[in-house]
Amino acid sequence: MGSKVTDPNLSTVRSIVGSEFSDMDIIRALH
């Protein structure tokens, strides 16, 4: 796993969930 994922999906999910989840949680959910 990279340190910072530049995944378009990450940005999309980020904008939806806001700051409820950390980047790690989102990355785990996507993989």
N, C-alpha and C. Protein backbone atom coordinates (compact mmCIF):
# COMPACT_ATOMS: atom_id res chain seq x y z
N MET A 1 0.84 -1.20 0.00
CA MET A 1 0.00 0.00 0.00
C MET A 1 0.88 1.25 0.00
N GLY A 2 0.60 2.16 -0.88
CA GLY A 2 1.38 3.39 -0.94
C GLY A 2 1.03 4.31 0.22
N SER A 3 1.87 5.31 0.44
CA SER A 3 1.63 6.23 1.55
C SER A 3 0.42 7.11 1.23
N LYS A 4 0.40 7.64 0.01
CA LYS A 4 -0.73 8.49 -0.37
C LYS A 4 -1.31 7.96 -1.68
N VAL A 5 -2.54 7.53 -1.63
CA VAL A 5 -3.16 6.96 -2.83
C VAL A 5 -3.79 8.08 -3.65
N THR A 6 -3.42 8.16 -4.91
CA THR A 6 -4.01 9.17 -5.79
C THR A 6 -5.10 8.52 -6.63
N ASP A 7 -6.04 7.93 -5.93
CA ASP A 7 -7.12 7.20 -6.59
C ASP A 7 -8.31 8.14 -6.76
N PRO A 8 -8.85 8.27 -7.96
CA PRO A 8 -10.03 9.12 -8.17
C PRO A 8 -11.17 8.73 -7.25
N ASN A 9 -11.28 7.42 -6.99
CA ASN A 9 -12.34 6.95 -6.11
C ASN A 9 -12.17 7.50 -4.71
N LEU A 10 -10.93 7.66 -4.27
CA LEU A 10 -10.67 8.18 -2.94
C LEU A 10 -11.24 9.59 -2.80
N SER A 11 -11.03 10.41 -3.82
CA SER A 11 -11.55 11.78 -3.81
C SER A 11 -13.07 11.77 -3.79
N THR A 12 -13.65 10.86 -4.56
CA THR A 12 -15.11 10.76 -4.63
C THR A 12 -15.68 10.36 -3.28
N VAL A 13 -15.13 9.30 -2.71
CA VAL A 13 -15.60 8.84 -1.41
C VAL A 13 -15.37 9.92 -0.36
N ARG A 14 -14.22 10.58 -0.44
CA ARG A 14 -13.88 11.65 0.49
C ARG A 14 -14.96 12.73 0.49
N SER A 15 -15.37 13.14 -0.71
CA SER A 15 -16.36 14.21 -0.83
C SER A 15 -17.72 13.77 -0.30
N ILE A 16 -17.98 12.45 -0.35
CA ILE A 16 -19.26 11.94 0.11
C ILE A 16 -19.29 11.81 1.63
N VAL A 17 -18.28 11.16 2.19
CA VAL A 17 -18.28 10.88 3.62
C VAL A 17 -17.72 12.04 4.43
N GLY A 18 -17.01 12.95 3.78
CA GLY A 18 -16.43 14.06 4.50
C GLY A 18 -15.33 13.61 5.44
N SER A 19 -15.28 14.16 6.65
CA SER A 19 -14.19 13.83 7.57
C SER A 19 -14.59 12.75 8.56
N GLU A 20 -15.70 12.05 8.29
CA GLU A 20 -16.12 10.99 9.21
C GLU A 20 -15.11 9.86 9.24
N PHE A 21 -14.50 9.62 8.07
CA PHE A 21 -13.54 8.53 7.98
C PHE A 21 -12.16 9.07 7.62
N SER A 22 -11.14 8.39 8.14
CA SER A 22 -9.77 8.78 7.79
C SER A 22 -9.42 8.18 6.43
N ASP A 23 -8.32 8.65 5.85
CA ASP A 23 -7.89 8.12 4.55
C ASP A 23 -7.67 6.62 4.64
N MET A 24 -7.13 6.17 5.76
CA MET A 24 -6.86 4.74 5.93
C MET A 24 -8.15 3.93 5.86
N ASP A 25 -9.18 4.40 6.54
CA ASP A 25 -10.46 3.69 6.53
C ASP A 25 -11.01 3.59 5.11
N ILE A 26 -10.91 4.68 4.37
CA ILE A 26 -11.42 4.70 3.00
C ILE A 26 -10.62 3.76 2.12
N ILE A 27 -9.30 3.81 2.27
CA ILE A 27 -8.43 2.94 1.47
C ILE A 27 -8.73 1.48 1.77
N ARG A 28 -8.94 1.16 3.05
CA ARG A 28 -9.25 -0.22 3.43
C ARG A 28 -10.57 -0.64 2.82
N ALA A 29 -11.53 0.27 2.81
CA ALA A 29 -12.85 -0.06 2.26
C ALA A 29 -12.78 -0.31 0.76
N LEU A 30 -11.86 0.38 0.09
CA LEU A 30 -11.75 0.24 -1.36
C LEU A 30 -10.98 -1.01 -1.77
N HIS A 31 -10.16 -1.54 -0.86
CA HIS A 31 -9.30 -2.67 -1.28
C HIS A 31 -9.71 -3.99 -0.68
